[in-house]
Amino acid sequence: MNQLVTGKFIALKRKQKNLTQEQLAEKLGVSNKTISKWETGKCMPDYSIVKSLCEELEVTVAELMDGEISEENSVRTYDDEQILDLLRRTQELEKQKNMLYGIMLIVMGIAVQALSYAIGGSDFKDFISGLLLGLSIGEMLVGVYVVGKSLAGR
């Protein structure tokens, strides 16, 4: 499953059906920017929309994921439901991984903040303490952003 190959295949099938990105987006209930991201290989369609996309492009899920029309006599190892389930699981794991990264950044930010309070006493140590405090705040903000983005589903 290559995002770039799948994206080119989506663009090819959309053009064969004489649809613009806007028309396909409207039929699927997404934005034309989302269609553009798929076609350029920046991201894959969400598992919840893959079936509708396949119906609009008149392809199977396996063909969409492979990025090519399968031959009549080709043997399929997985059916569409299994592929959709694997895609859903992959996307859920990606969200969980991002959530874990965000939480780790927050925890590290808290640890660095605690360290910054432990340092002090001279001008140089106060400078380092302030630097660590600023770093910890930045780290926690990035962590909150990553967690929020994971919860929102991107």
Foldseek 3Di string as FASTA:
>chain_A
DQQQLLLCLLVVLCVVVVHDLCRLCVQQVHHSVVNVCSNRSVDHDQLVRLVVSCVVSVAASVCSVVSHHDDPPDDDPDHRVVVSVVRNVVLLVVLVVLLVQLVVLLVVLVVLLVVLVVFDDDPVSVVVSVVSNVVSVVSNVVSVVSNVCSVVSD
